[in-house]
Amino acid sequence: MRAILTGLMLLFVSAAAASAQGAADPMTTARAIIEQAHASDLFTATVDADRVAIRNNRSRLACHFRPGETVHIQIYSERDGGPTRGDDVSCGVNIAGAAATFYATRYPQAISVDDALAESVYEITQVSPQAREYNSVAPRDPLEPIESRTQSFIIANFMRQSGGFYSRTSVAVVDGWVYLMRFTGPQGGATEQAAEDAWRAFETDLAAENTPAN
């Protein structure tokens, strides 16, 4: 999670990859995404209704996508005292013209959901000093399936792209794993609602799955 913007950067710059990913059978595409990341020991592709799911074998992380959507897996480095291989991973997908990256990180010590949010907010402001905190207009679900925290931002000229961008970080802690979503897209209510819908779906997945024994 220390490399929190890597997945978003890759999704923003890889629009050309979407057509290539969508050209093959979805399951074949999903397996190719896993192989490209050298992650066959960490992720498994499954069919889930009309979508394909790439699931992390160690955590509750699942990344759903439909044909034609750009998807990227990232396994973060073990250098500098970071988590061992497989304990810090992400899966990103383009949703409604925005970039969403879902992270799963297992820390060597317990971390609270408030501390996890604070760390994420710090990383965002370090990478984008121009980010300003913002209260989203999208209504929150009062009956969340798990405890979580969220902070939204407006970021001008994100990644040197002109204009204003809405960016959101949401976090939850389940069975010792920190789950985090970064969602960034053009400023506006449609992006804010898409971010809320994406987190709600991710929360539902987290609540429904069991953490694998490992």
N, C-alpha and C. Protein backbone atom coordinates (compact mmCIF):
# COMPACT_ATOMS: atom_id res chain seq x y z
N MET A 1 0.82 -1.20 0.00
CA MET A 1 0.00 0.00 0.00
C MET A 1 0.86 1.25 0.00
N ARG A 2 2.17 1.11 0.28
CA ARG A 2 3.05 2.27 0.23
C ARG A 2 3.14 2.82 -1.19
N ALA A 3 2.99 1.97 -2.19
CA ALA A 3 3.02 2.41 -3.59
C ALA A 3 1.59 2.66 -4.07
N ILE A 4 0.86 3.48 -3.33
CA ILE A 4 -0.59 3.55 -3.48
C ILE A 4 -1.06 4.05 -4.84
N LEU A 5 -0.26 4.85 -5.54
CA LEU A 5 -0.69 5.40 -6.80
C LEU A 5 -0.25 4.60 -8.01
N THR A 6 0.54 3.56 -7.80
CA THR A 6 1.07 2.81 -8.94
C THR A 6 -0.03 2.25 -9.82
N GLY A 7 -1.01 1.60 -9.21
CA GLY A 7 -2.10 1.03 -9.98
C GLY A 7 -2.89 2.07 -10.73
N LEU A 8 -3.18 3.21 -10.08
CA LEU A 8 -3.92 4.27 -10.74
C LEU A 8 -3.15 4.82 -11.93
N MET A 9 -1.84 5.01 -11.78
CA MET A 9 -1.03 5.51 -12.88
C MET A 9 -1.09 4.56 -14.06
N LEU A 10 -0.94 3.27 -13.78
CA LEU A 10 -0.94 2.30 -14.86
C LEU A 10 -2.27 2.28 -15.59
N LEU A 11 -3.37 2.43 -14.84
CA LEU A 11 -4.68 2.42 -15.47
C LEU A 11 -4.91 3.67 -16.30
N PHE A 12 -4.47 4.82 -15.81
CA PHE A 12 -4.66 6.05 -16.56
C PHE A 12 -3.88 6.06 -17.86
N VAL A 13 -2.70 5.44 -17.89
CA VAL A 13 -1.86 5.50 -19.09
C VAL A 13 -2.04 4.31 -20.00
N SER A 14 -2.89 3.34 -19.64
CA SER A 14 -2.97 2.11 -20.43
C SER A 14 -4.32 1.95 -21.11
N ALA A 15 -4.92 3.03 -21.54
CA ALA A 15 -6.22 2.92 -22.20
C ALA A 15 -6.14 2.06 -23.45
N ALA A 16 -5.00 2.10 -24.14
CA ALA A 16 -4.85 1.31 -25.36
C ALA A 16 -4.91 -0.18 -25.09
N ALA A 17 -4.63 -0.56 -23.84
CA ALA A 17 -4.63 -1.98 -23.51
C ALA A 17 -6.03 -2.54 -23.40
N ALA A 18 -7.03 -1.68 -23.24
CA ALA A 18 -8.39 -2.16 -23.03
C ALA A 18 -8.89 -2.99 -24.20
N SER A 19 -8.66 -2.51 -25.44
CA SER A 19 -9.14 -3.25 -26.59
C SER A 19 -8.41 -4.57 -26.72
N ALA A 20 -7.13 -4.58 -26.38
CA ALA A 20 -6.36 -5.82 -26.47
C ALA A 20 -6.85 -6.83 -25.45
N GLN A 21 -7.15 -6.36 -24.23
CA GLN A 21 -7.64 -7.27 -23.21
C GLN A 21 -9.01 -7.81 -23.56
N GLY A 22 -9.83 -6.97 -24.21
CA GLY A 22 -11.18 -7.39 -24.51
C GLY A 22 -11.29 -8.27 -25.75
N ALA A 23 -10.17 -8.45 -26.46
CA ALA A 23 -10.23 -9.17 -27.72
C ALA A 23 -10.35 -10.68 -27.53
N ALA A 24 -9.92 -11.21 -26.40
CA ALA A 24 -9.91 -12.65 -26.18
C ALA A 24 -11.07 -13.06 -25.28
N ASP A 25 -11.24 -14.37 -25.14
CA ASP A 25 -12.21 -14.90 -24.19
C ASP A 25 -11.90 -14.35 -22.79
N PRO A 26 -12.93 -13.92 -22.02
CA PRO A 26 -12.67 -13.29 -20.72
C PRO A 26 -11.80 -14.13 -19.78
N MET A 27 -12.04 -15.42 -19.73
CA MET A 27 -11.23 -16.25 -18.84
C MET A 27 -9.78 -16.32 -19.32
N THR A 28 -9.61 -16.41 -20.64
CA THR A 28 -8.25 -16.41 -21.19
C THR A 28 -7.56 -15.09 -20.88
N THR A 29 -8.31 -14.00 -21.00
CA THR A 29 -7.76 -12.68 -20.68
C THR A 29 -7.36 -12.60 -19.22
N ALA A 30 -8.23 -13.08 -18.33
CA ALA A 30 -7.94 -13.02 -16.89
C ALA A 30 -6.69 -13.81 -16.55
N ARG A 31 -6.57 -14.99 -17.13
CA ARG A 31 -5.37 -15.80 -16.86
C ARG A 31 -4.12 -15.11 -17.40
N ALA A 32 -4.26 -14.44 -18.55
CA ALA A 32 -3.12 -13.74 -19.13
C ALA A 32 -2.70 -12.56 -18.24
N ILE A 33 -3.66 -11.87 -17.64
CA ILE A 33 -3.36 -10.76 -16.74
C ILE A 33 -2.58 -11.28 -15.53
N ILE A 34 -3.00 -12.42 -15.00
CA ILE A 34 -2.31 -13.02 -13.85
C ILE A 34 -0.89 -13.44 -14.25
N GLU A 35 -0.77 -14.06 -15.42
CA GLU A 35 0.56 -14.52 -15.86
C GLU A 35 1.49 -13.34 -16.12
N GLN A 36 0.95 -12.27 -16.70
CA GLN A 36 1.77 -11.10 -16.99
C GLN A 36 2.35 -10.50 -15.71
N ALA A 37 1.60 -10.61 -14.62
CA ALA A 37 2.06 -10.09 -13.33
C ALA A 37 2.92 -11.10 -12.57
N HIS A 38 3.15 -12.27 -13.17
CA HIS A 38 3.91 -13.35 -12.52
C HIS A 38 3.27 -13.66 -11.16
N ALA A 39 1.94 -13.80 -11.19
CA ALA A 39 1.18 -13.93 -9.94
C ALA A 39 0.30 -15.16 -9.90
N SER A 40 0.66 -16.21 -10.64
CA SER A 40 -0.19 -17.40 -10.67
C SER A 40 -0.26 -18.11 -9.34
N ASP A 41 0.73 -17.84 -8.46
CA ASP A 41 0.70 -18.43 -7.13
C ASP A 41 -0.13 -17.60 -6.16
N LEU A 42 -0.55 -16.41 -6.58
CA LEU A 42 -1.25 -15.50 -5.67
C LEU A 42 -2.67 -15.18 -6.10
N PHE A 43 -2.99 -15.36 -7.39
CA PHE A 43 -4.32 -15.00 -7.89
C PHE A 43 -4.91 -16.14 -8.70
N THR A 44 -6.25 -16.20 -8.69
CA THR A 44 -6.98 -17.21 -9.45
C THR A 44 -8.12 -16.53 -10.19
N ALA A 45 -8.35 -16.93 -11.43
CA ALA A 45 -9.46 -16.39 -12.22
C ALA A 45 -10.66 -17.30 -12.12
N THR A 46 -11.83 -16.71 -11.92
CA THR A 46 -13.08 -17.47 -11.85
C THR A 46 -14.17 -16.74 -12.62
N VAL A 47 -15.19 -17.47 -13.05
CA VAL A 47 -16.35 -16.87 -13.70
C VAL A 47 -17.37 -16.54 -12.64
N ASP A 48 -17.87 -15.30 -12.66
CA ASP A 48 -18.84 -14.85 -11.67
C ASP A 48 -19.98 -14.15 -12.40
N ALA A 49 -21.07 -14.90 -12.67
CA ALA A 49 -22.21 -14.38 -13.42
C ALA A 49 -21.73 -13.89 -14.79
N ASP A 50 -21.98 -12.60 -15.11
CA ASP A 50 -21.60 -12.07 -16.41
C ASP A 50 -20.22 -11.42 -16.37
N ARG A 51 -19.52 -11.59 -15.26
CA ARG A 51 -18.20 -10.99 -15.11
C ARG A 51 -17.17 -12.06 -14.80
N VAL A 52 -15.92 -11.68 -14.96
CA VAL A 52 -14.81 -12.53 -14.52
C VAL A 52 -14.25 -11.92 -13.25
N ALA A 53 -13.87 -12.77 -12.31
CA ALA A 53 -13.27 -12.29 -11.06
C ALA A 53 -11.84 -12.81 -10.96
N ILE A 54 -10.93 -11.90 -10.64
CA ILE A 54 -9.56 -12.28 -10.31
C ILE A 54 -9.44 -12.19 -8.80
N ARG A 55 -9.23 -13.33 -8.15
CA ARG A 55 -9.24 -13.39 -6.69
C ARG A 55 -7.85 -13.66 -6.13
N ASN A 56 -7.55 -12.97 -5.05
CA ASN A 56 -6.29 -13.18 -4.35
C ASN A 56 -6.43 -14.41 -3.46
N ASN A 57 -5.44 -15.31 -3.52
CA ASN A 57 -5.54 -16.57 -2.79
C ASN A 57 -5.29 -16.43 -1.30
N ARG A 58 -4.75 -15.30 -0.85
CA ARG A 58 -4.42 -15.14 0.57
C ARG A 58 -5.42 -14.28 1.33
N SER A 59 -6.11 -13.42 0.63
CA SER A 59 -6.99 -12.47 1.29
C SER A 59 -8.40 -12.58 0.71
N ARG A 60 -9.25 -11.61 1.06
CA ARG A 60 -10.60 -11.56 0.51
C ARG A 60 -10.70 -10.69 -0.73
N LEU A 61 -9.57 -10.22 -1.23
CA LEU A 61 -9.57 -9.32 -2.37
C LEU A 61 -10.08 -10.03 -3.63
N ALA A 62 -11.06 -9.42 -4.29
CA ALA A 62 -11.55 -9.90 -5.58
C ALA A 62 -11.75 -8.70 -6.49
N CYS A 63 -11.26 -8.80 -7.71
CA CYS A 63 -11.37 -7.72 -8.69
C CYS A 63 -12.25 -8.23 -9.83
N HIS A 64 -13.42 -7.63 -9.99
CA HIS A 64 -14.37 -8.05 -11.03
C HIS A 64 -14.23 -7.15 -12.25
N PHE A 65 -14.38 -7.73 -13.43
CA PHE A 65 -14.35 -6.92 -14.63
C PHE A 65 -15.17 -7.57 -15.73
N ARG A 66 -15.54 -6.75 -16.69
CA ARG A 66 -16.27 -7.21 -17.87
C ARG A 66 -15.38 -7.09 -19.10
N PRO A 67 -15.70 -7.81 -20.16
CA PRO A 67 -14.88 -7.73 -21.38
C PRO A 67 -14.70 -6.29 -21.83
N GLY A 68 -13.48 -5.95 -22.22
CA GLY A 68 -13.18 -4.62 -22.70
C GLY A 68 -12.66 -3.67 -21.65
N GLU A 69 -12.78 -4.04 -20.36
CA GLU A 69 -12.28 -3.18 -19.29
C GLU A 69 -10.80 -3.48 -19.04
N THR A 70 -10.04 -2.42 -18.79
CA THR A 70 -8.62 -2.57 -18.53
C THR A 70 -8.41 -3.02 -17.09
N VAL A 71 -7.59 -4.05 -16.90
CA VAL A 71 -7.33 -4.61 -15.58
C VAL A 71 -5.83 -4.75 -15.40
N HIS A 72 -5.36 -4.51 -14.17
CA HIS A 72 -3.93 -4.64 -13.89
C HIS A 72 -3.73 -5.14 -12.47
N ILE A 73 -2.86 -6.14 -12.31
CA ILE A 73 -2.46 -6.66 -11.00
C ILE A 73 -1.09 -6.11 -10.65
N GLN A 74 -0.91 -5.76 -9.39
CA GLN A 74 0.40 -5.30 -8.93
C GLN A 74 0.76 -6.04 -7.64
N ILE A 75 2.02 -6.54 -7.58
CA ILE A 75 2.56 -7.14 -6.36
C ILE A 75 3.67 -6.21 -5.89
N TYR A 76 3.53 -5.64 -4.70
CA TYR A 76 4.45 -4.60 -4.27
C TYR A 76 5.72 -5.20 -3.66
N SER A 77 6.77 -4.42 -3.73
CA SER A 77 8.12 -4.87 -3.42
C SER A 77 8.31 -5.23 -1.96
N GLU A 78 9.20 -6.19 -1.74
CA GLU A 78 9.59 -6.58 -0.38
C GLU A 78 10.74 -5.73 0.15
N ARG A 79 11.25 -4.83 -0.65
CA ARG A 79 12.41 -4.03 -0.25
C ARG A 79 12.07 -3.08 0.90
N ASP A 80 13.10 -2.62 1.56
CA ASP A 80 12.98 -1.61 2.61
C ASP A 80 12.10 -2.07 3.77
N GLY A 81 12.17 -3.34 4.08
CA GLY A 81 11.44 -3.83 5.23
C GLY A 81 9.95 -3.95 5.03
N GLY A 82 9.50 -3.96 3.79
CA GLY A 82 8.07 -4.06 3.51
C GLY A 82 7.55 -5.47 3.70
N PRO A 83 6.25 -5.66 3.45
CA PRO A 83 5.63 -6.97 3.62
C PRO A 83 6.29 -8.03 2.73
N THR A 84 6.22 -9.28 3.15
CA THR A 84 6.73 -10.37 2.32
C THR A 84 5.88 -10.48 1.06
N ARG A 85 6.42 -11.13 0.04
CA ARG A 85 5.74 -11.24 -1.24
C ARG A 85 4.34 -11.84 -1.05
N GLY A 86 3.36 -11.14 -1.60
CA GLY A 86 1.99 -11.59 -1.52
C GLY A 86 1.18 -10.97 -0.40
N ASP A 87 1.86 -10.24 0.50
CA ASP A 87 1.15 -9.59 1.60
C ASP A 87 0.83 -8.13 1.30
N ASP A 88 1.11 -7.68 0.09
CA ASP A 88 0.77 -6.32 -0.33
C ASP A 88 0.51 -6.36 -1.83
N VAL A 89 -0.76 -6.43 -2.22
CA VAL A 89 -1.13 -6.62 -3.62
C VAL A 89 -2.29 -5.69 -3.96
N SER A 90 -2.50 -5.52 -5.26
CA SER A 90 -3.65 -4.75 -5.69
C SER A 90 -4.14 -5.24 -7.03
N CYS A 91 -5.36 -4.87 -7.34
CA CYS A 91 -5.96 -5.15 -8.64
C CYS A 91 -6.74 -3.90 -9.05
N GLY A 92 -6.44 -3.39 -10.22
CA GLY A 92 -7.09 -2.17 -10.68
C GLY A 92 -7.94 -2.41 -11.91
N VAL A 93 -9.00 -1.61 -12.04
CA VAL A 93 -9.90 -1.73 -13.19
C VAL A 93 -10.47 -0.37 -13.50
N ASN A 94 -10.69 -0.11 -14.79
CA ASN A 94 -11.38 1.12 -15.19
C ASN A 94 -12.88 0.94 -15.03
N ILE A 95 -13.52 1.88 -14.33
CA ILE A 95 -14.96 1.83 -14.07
C ILE A 95 -15.56 3.18 -14.45
N ALA A 96 -16.48 3.18 -15.40
CA ALA A 96 -17.22 4.39 -15.77
C ALA A 96 -16.29 5.57 -16.07
N GLY A 97 -15.20 5.30 -16.78
CA GLY A 97 -14.28 6.35 -17.15
C GLY A 97 -13.34 6.79 -16.05
N ALA A 98 -13.35 6.08 -14.94
CA ALA A 98 -12.47 6.40 -13.82
C ALA A 98 -11.57 5.19 -13.54
N ALA A 99 -10.53 5.42 -12.74
CA ALA A 99 -9.60 4.36 -12.38
C ALA A 99 -9.82 3.96 -10.93
N ALA A 100 -10.09 2.69 -10.71
CA ALA A 100 -10.28 2.16 -9.36
C ALA A 100 -9.22 1.11 -9.08
N THR A 101 -8.55 1.23 -7.95
CA THR A 101 -7.57 0.23 -7.54
C THR A 101 -7.94 -0.27 -6.16
N PHE A 102 -7.98 -1.60 -6.02
CA PHE A 102 -8.35 -2.25 -4.77
C PHE A 102 -7.11 -2.94 -4.20
N TYR A 103 -6.77 -2.62 -2.97
CA TYR A 103 -5.56 -3.10 -2.32
C TYR A 103 -5.90 -4.06 -1.18
N ALA A 104 -5.01 -5.01 -0.96
CA ALA A 104 -5.07 -5.87 0.23
C ALA A 104 -3.65 -5.92 0.80
N THR A 105 -3.51 -5.51 2.06
CA THR A 105 -2.18 -5.44 2.70
C THR A 105 -2.26 -6.06 4.09
N ARG A 106 -1.33 -6.98 4.35
CA ARG A 106 -1.25 -7.59 5.68
C ARG A 106 -0.01 -7.03 6.38
N TYR A 107 -0.24 -6.32 7.47
CA TYR A 107 0.86 -5.72 8.23
C TYR A 107 1.39 -6.71 9.27
N PRO A 108 2.66 -6.56 9.64
CA PRO A 108 3.21 -7.45 10.68
C PRO A 108 2.61 -7.17 12.06
N GLN A 109 2.03 -5.99 12.25
CA GLN A 109 1.39 -5.66 13.52
C GLN A 109 -0.04 -5.20 13.24
N ALA A 110 -0.86 -5.23 14.27
CA ALA A 110 -2.26 -4.82 14.12
C ALA A 110 -2.34 -3.34 13.78
N ILE A 111 -3.30 -2.98 12.95
CA ILE A 111 -3.53 -1.58 12.59
C ILE A 111 -5.03 -1.33 12.61
N SER A 112 -5.43 -0.18 13.13
CA SER A 112 -6.85 0.16 13.21
C SER A 112 -7.32 0.74 11.88
N VAL A 113 -8.62 0.75 11.67
CA VAL A 113 -9.17 1.32 10.45
C VAL A 113 -8.90 2.81 10.39
N ASP A 114 -8.89 3.50 11.54
CA ASP A 114 -8.59 4.93 11.55
C ASP A 114 -7.14 5.19 11.16
N ASP A 115 -6.22 4.37 11.66
CA ASP A 115 -4.81 4.53 11.31
C ASP A 115 -4.57 4.21 9.83
N ALA A 116 -5.29 3.21 9.33
CA ALA A 116 -5.15 2.85 7.91
C ALA A 116 -5.62 4.00 7.02
N LEU A 117 -6.72 4.64 7.41
CA LEU A 117 -7.20 5.79 6.63
C LEU A 117 -6.19 6.94 6.71
N ALA A 118 -5.66 7.20 7.90
CA ALA A 118 -4.69 8.28 8.07
C ALA A 118 -3.46 8.05 7.19
N GLU A 119 -3.00 6.82 7.12
CA GLU A 119 -1.84 6.50 6.28
C GLU A 119 -2.15 6.75 4.81
N SER A 120 -3.34 6.33 4.38
CA SER A 120 -3.72 6.52 2.99
C SER A 120 -3.84 8.01 2.65
N VAL A 121 -4.46 8.78 3.53
CA VAL A 121 -4.60 10.22 3.31
C VAL A 121 -3.22 10.88 3.23
N TYR A 122 -2.31 10.48 4.10
CA TYR A 122 -0.96 11.04 4.09
C TYR A 122 -0.28 10.77 2.75
N GLU A 123 -0.38 9.54 2.26
CA GLU A 123 0.26 9.19 1.00
C GLU A 123 -0.31 10.00 -0.15
N ILE A 124 -1.63 10.19 -0.14
CA ILE A 124 -2.27 10.97 -1.21
C ILE A 124 -1.76 12.40 -1.20
N THR A 125 -1.71 13.01 -0.04
CA THR A 125 -1.28 14.40 0.04
C THR A 125 0.21 14.58 -0.25
N GLN A 126 1.00 13.53 -0.01
CA GLN A 126 2.41 13.61 -0.36
C GLN A 126 2.61 13.56 -1.87
N VAL A 127 1.85 12.72 -2.53
CA VAL A 127 1.98 12.59 -3.98
C VAL A 127 1.27 13.74 -4.70
N SER A 128 0.14 14.19 -4.15
CA SER A 128 -0.63 15.29 -4.76
C SER A 128 -0.83 16.39 -3.72
N PRO A 129 0.16 17.24 -3.52
CA PRO A 129 0.05 18.30 -2.50
C PRO A 129 -1.12 19.25 -2.76
N GLN A 130 -1.59 19.30 -4.01
CA GLN A 130 -2.69 20.19 -4.34
C GLN A 130 -4.06 19.61 -3.95
N ALA A 131 -4.08 18.37 -3.44
CA ALA A 131 -5.35 17.73 -3.07
C ALA A 131 -6.00 18.48 -1.91
N ARG A 132 -7.29 18.71 -2.01
CA ARG A 132 -8.02 19.33 -0.90
C ARG A 132 -9.18 18.42 -0.50
N GLU A 133 -9.37 18.30 0.80
CA GLU A 133 -10.43 17.43 1.30
C GLU A 133 -11.79 17.96 0.86
N TYR A 134 -12.70 17.01 0.65
CA TYR A 134 -13.98 17.34 0.03
C TYR A 134 -15.04 16.40 0.58
N ASN A 135 -16.25 16.90 0.78
CA ASN A 135 -17.38 16.08 1.21
C ASN A 135 -18.20 15.69 -0.02
N SER A 136 -18.19 14.40 -0.34
CA SER A 136 -18.88 13.92 -1.54
C SER A 136 -20.39 14.12 -1.43
N VAL A 137 -21.01 14.38 -2.59
CA VAL A 137 -22.47 14.53 -2.63
C VAL A 137 -23.17 13.18 -2.75
N ALA A 138 -22.43 12.11 -3.03
CA ALA A 138 -23.04 10.79 -3.16
C ALA A 138 -23.47 10.29 -1.79
N PRO A 139 -24.72 9.85 -1.64
CA PRO A 139 -25.19 9.39 -0.33
C PRO A 139 -24.50 8.11 0.09
N ARG A 140 -24.10 8.04 1.37
CA ARG A 140 -23.47 6.84 1.91
C ARG A 140 -24.54 5.86 2.37
N ASP A 141 -24.21 4.58 2.27
CA ASP A 141 -25.10 3.52 2.74
C ASP A 141 -25.03 3.45 4.26
N PRO A 142 -26.14 3.72 4.98
CA PRO A 142 -26.08 3.69 6.45
C PRO A 142 -25.96 2.29 7.02
N LEU A 143 -26.16 1.26 6.19
CA LEU A 143 -26.12 -0.13 6.66
C LEU A 143 -24.94 -0.85 6.03
N GLU A 144 -23.74 -0.33 6.25
CA GLU A 144 -22.56 -0.94 5.69
C GLU A 144 -22.36 -2.34 6.27
N PRO A 145 -21.97 -3.31 5.42
CA PRO A 145 -21.80 -4.68 5.93
C PRO A 145 -20.59 -4.83 6.84
N ILE A 146 -19.60 -3.94 6.72
CA ILE A 146 -18.42 -3.96 7.58
C ILE A 146 -18.04 -2.53 7.93
N GLU A 147 -17.28 -2.36 9.00
CA GLU A 147 -16.85 -1.03 9.40
C GLU A 147 -15.80 -0.50 8.42
N SER A 148 -15.97 0.74 8.01
CA SER A 148 -15.01 1.33 7.08
C SER A 148 -14.91 2.83 7.31
N ARG A 149 -13.91 3.43 6.70
CA ARG A 149 -13.69 4.86 6.75
C ARG A 149 -13.43 5.36 5.33
N THR A 150 -13.83 6.61 5.07
CA THR A 150 -13.67 7.18 3.73
C THR A 150 -13.25 8.64 3.82
N GLN A 151 -12.39 9.06 2.91
CA GLN A 151 -12.07 10.47 2.74
C GLN A 151 -12.02 10.77 1.24
N SER A 152 -12.67 11.86 0.85
CA SER A 152 -12.69 12.27 -0.55
C SER A 152 -11.86 13.53 -0.74
N PHE A 153 -11.42 13.73 -1.98
CA PHE A 153 -10.59 14.88 -2.34
C PHE A 153 -10.99 15.41 -3.70
N ILE A 154 -10.69 16.68 -3.92
CA ILE A 154 -10.66 17.25 -5.26
C ILE A 154 -9.19 17.55 -5.56
N ILE A 155 -8.71 17.05 -6.70
CA ILE A 155 -7.30 17.22 -7.07
C ILE A 155 -7.24 17.90 -8.43
N ALA A 156 -6.62 19.06 -8.46
CA ALA A 156 -6.47 19.78 -9.73
C ALA A 156 -5.30 19.20 -10.50
N ASN A 157 -5.51 18.99 -11.79
CA ASN A 157 -4.44 18.54 -12.70
C ASN A 157 -3.75 17.27 -12.20
N PHE A 158 -4.55 16.28 -11.86
CA PHE A 158 -4.03 15.01 -11.36
C PHE A 158 -3.16 14.36 -12.42
N MET A 159 -1.95 13.96 -12.01
CA MET A 159 -0.99 13.34 -12.92
C MET A 159 -0.77 14.19 -14.18
N ARG A 160 -0.75 15.51 -13.97
CA ARG A 160 -0.49 16.49 -15.03
C ARG A 160 -1.58 16.51 -16.09
N GLN A 161 -2.74 15.97 -15.78
CA GLN A 161 -3.88 16.07 -16.69
C GLN A 161 -4.69 17.30 -16.29
N SER A 162 -5.05 18.11 -17.26
CA SER A 162 -5.73 19.37 -16.96
C SER A 162 -7.14 19.11 -16.44
N GLY A 163 -7.57 20.00 -15.57
CA GLY A 163 -8.92 19.91 -15.04
C GLY A 163 -8.96 19.40 -13.61
N GLY A 164 -10.17 19.32 -13.09
CA GLY A 164 -10.36 18.85 -11.73
C GLY A 164 -10.73 17.38 -11.69
N PHE A 165 -10.24 16.67 -10.67
CA PHE A 165 -10.52 15.25 -10.51
C PHE A 165 -11.06 14.98 -9.11
N TYR A 166 -12.03 14.09 -9.06
CA TYR A 166 -12.52 13.60 -7.78
C TYR A 166 -11.75 12.35 -7.43
N SER A 167 -11.25 12.27 -6.19
CA SER A 167 -10.50 11.10 -5.75
C SER A 167 -10.99 10.70 -4.37
N ARG A 168 -11.12 9.41 -4.17
CA ARG A 168 -11.64 8.89 -2.91
C ARG A 168 -10.78 7.74 -2.43
N THR A 169 -10.53 7.70 -1.13
CA THR A 169 -9.91 6.54 -0.51
C THR A 169 -10.86 6.00 0.55
N SER A 170 -11.09 4.70 0.52
CA SER A 170 -11.94 4.03 1.50
C SER A 170 -11.18 2.83 2.04
N VAL A 171 -11.28 2.58 3.36
CA VAL A 171 -10.52 1.50 3.97
C VAL A 171 -11.39 0.69 4.92
N ALA A 172 -11.02 -0.58 5.06
CA ALA A 172 -11.62 -1.48 6.05
C ALA A 172 -10.52 -2.43 6.52
N VAL A 173 -10.68 -2.96 7.71
CA VAL A 173 -9.72 -3.93 8.26
C VAL A 173 -10.50 -5.18 8.63
N VAL A 174 -10.10 -6.31 8.03
CA VAL A 174 -10.79 -7.58 8.27
C VAL A 174 -9.75 -8.68 8.46
N ASP A 175 -9.81 -9.38 9.58
CA ASP A 175 -8.91 -10.52 9.85
C ASP A 175 -7.44 -10.16 9.66
N GLY A 176 -7.06 -8.97 10.10
CA GLY A 176 -5.66 -8.58 10.02
C GLY A 176 -5.22 -8.02 8.69
N TRP A 177 -6.11 -7.98 7.71
CA TRP A 177 -5.79 -7.41 6.40
C TRP A 177 -6.43 -6.03 6.28
N VAL A 178 -5.67 -5.09 5.71
CA VAL A 178 -6.22 -3.78 5.38
C VAL A 178 -6.67 -3.82 3.92
N TYR A 179 -7.94 -3.49 3.71
CA TYR A 179 -8.48 -3.41 2.35
C TYR A 179 -8.75 -1.95 2.03
N LEU A 180 -8.32 -1.53 0.86
CA LEU A 180 -8.40 -0.12 0.51
C LEU A 180 -8.81 0.04 -0.94
N MET A 181 -9.62 1.03 -1.20
CA MET A 181 -9.98 1.39 -2.57
C MET A 181 -9.54 2.82 -2.85
N ARG A 182 -8.82 3.03 -3.96
CA ARG A 182 -8.60 4.36 -4.49
C ARG A 182 -9.39 4.47 -5.78
N PHE A 183 -10.18 5.53 -5.88
CA PHE A 183 -11.04 5.73 -7.05
C PHE A 183 -10.85 7.17 -7.50
N THR A 184 -10.41 7.37 -8.73
CA THR A 184 -10.12 8.71 -9.23
C THR A 184 -10.67 8.86 -10.65
N GLY A 185 -11.40 9.95 -10.86
CA GLY A 185 -11.95 10.22 -12.18
C GLY A 185 -12.31 11.68 -12.32
N PRO A 186 -12.84 12.08 -13.47
CA PRO A 186 -13.20 13.48 -13.69
C PRO A 186 -14.18 13.98 -12.62
N GLN A 187 -13.96 15.19 -12.18
CA GLN A 187 -14.79 15.77 -11.13
C GLN A 187 -16.25 15.81 -11.55
N GLY A 188 -17.15 15.42 -10.63
CA GLY A 188 -18.58 15.46 -10.92
C GLY A 188 -19.34 14.39 -10.17
N GLY A 189 -20.66 14.58 -10.11
CA GLY A 189 -21.50 13.67 -9.35
C GLY A 189 -21.49 12.25 -9.88
N ALA A 190 -21.34 12.07 -11.19
CA ALA A 190 -21.35 10.72 -11.75
C ALA A 190 -20.16 9.91 -11.23
N THR A 191 -18.97 10.55 -11.17
CA THR A 191 -17.78 9.87 -10.66
C THR A 191 -17.95 9.56 -9.18
N GLU A 192 -18.51 10.50 -8.42
CA GLU A 192 -18.71 10.28 -6.99
C GLU A 192 -19.66 9.11 -6.73
N GLN A 193 -20.73 9.02 -7.51
CA GLN A 193 -21.66 7.91 -7.32
C GLN A 193 -21.04 6.59 -7.75
N ALA A 194 -20.26 6.62 -8.83
CA ALA A 194 -19.58 5.39 -9.27
C ALA A 194 -18.62 4.90 -8.20
N ALA A 195 -17.93 5.84 -7.52
CA ALA A 195 -17.01 5.46 -6.45
C ALA A 195 -17.77 4.84 -5.28
N GLU A 196 -18.89 5.43 -4.91
CA GLU A 196 -19.69 4.88 -3.82
C GLU A 196 -20.20 3.48 -4.17
N ASP A 197 -20.68 3.31 -5.40
CA ASP A 197 -21.18 2.00 -5.83
C ASP A 197 -20.06 0.96 -5.83
N ALA A 198 -18.86 1.37 -6.27
CA ALA A 198 -17.74 0.43 -6.32
C ALA A 198 -17.33 -0.01 -4.91
N TRP A 199 -17.28 0.93 -3.98
CA TRP A 199 -16.91 0.56 -2.61
C TRP A 199 -17.99 -0.29 -1.96
N ARG A 200 -19.24 0.01 -2.20
CA ARG A 200 -20.33 -0.78 -1.63
C ARG A 200 -20.25 -2.22 -2.13
N ALA A 201 -19.97 -2.40 -3.42
CA ALA A 201 -19.84 -3.75 -3.97
C ALA A 201 -18.63 -4.45 -3.38
N PHE A 202 -17.53 -3.72 -3.21
CA PHE A 202 -16.31 -4.31 -2.64
C PHE A 202 -16.55 -4.71 -1.19
N GLU A 203 -17.21 -3.85 -0.42
CA GLU A 203 -17.55 -4.18 0.97
C GLU A 203 -18.39 -5.44 1.06
N THR A 204 -19.37 -5.54 0.16
CA THR A 204 -20.24 -6.72 0.15
C THR A 204 -19.44 -7.99 -0.10
N ASP A 205 -18.49 -7.92 -1.03
CA ASP A 205 -17.60 -9.06 -1.30
C ASP A 205 -16.79 -9.41 -0.05
N LEU A 206 -16.23 -8.39 0.61
CA LEU A 206 -15.40 -8.63 1.79
C LEU A 206 -16.21 -9.29 2.89
N ALA A 207 -17.45 -8.86 3.06
CA ALA A 207 -18.30 -9.42 4.12
C ALA A 207 -18.72 -10.85 3.81
N ALA A 208 -18.83 -11.17 2.52
CA ALA A 208 -19.34 -12.49 2.13
C ALA A 208 -18.27 -13.56 2.11
N GLU A 209 -17.00 -13.16 1.90
CA GLU A 209 -15.91 -14.12 1.78
C GLU A 209 -15.28 -14.43 3.13
N ASN A 210 -14.61 -15.57 3.19
CA ASN A 210 -13.77 -15.90 4.34
C ASN A 210 -12.32 -15.68 3.97
N THR A 211 -11.54 -15.19 4.93
CA THR A 211 -10.11 -15.05 4.68
C THR A 211 -9.47 -16.42 4.59
N PRO A 212 -8.79 -16.74 3.49
CA PRO A 212 -8.16 -18.06 3.37
C PRO A 212 -7.16 -18.30 4.49
N ALA A 213 -7.06 -19.56 4.90
CA ALA A 213 -6.05 -19.92 5.91
C ALA A 213 -4.71 -20.03 5.22
N ASN A 214 -3.73 -19.25 5.68
CA ASN A 214 -2.39 -19.32 5.08
C ASN A 214 -1.37 -18.81 6.08
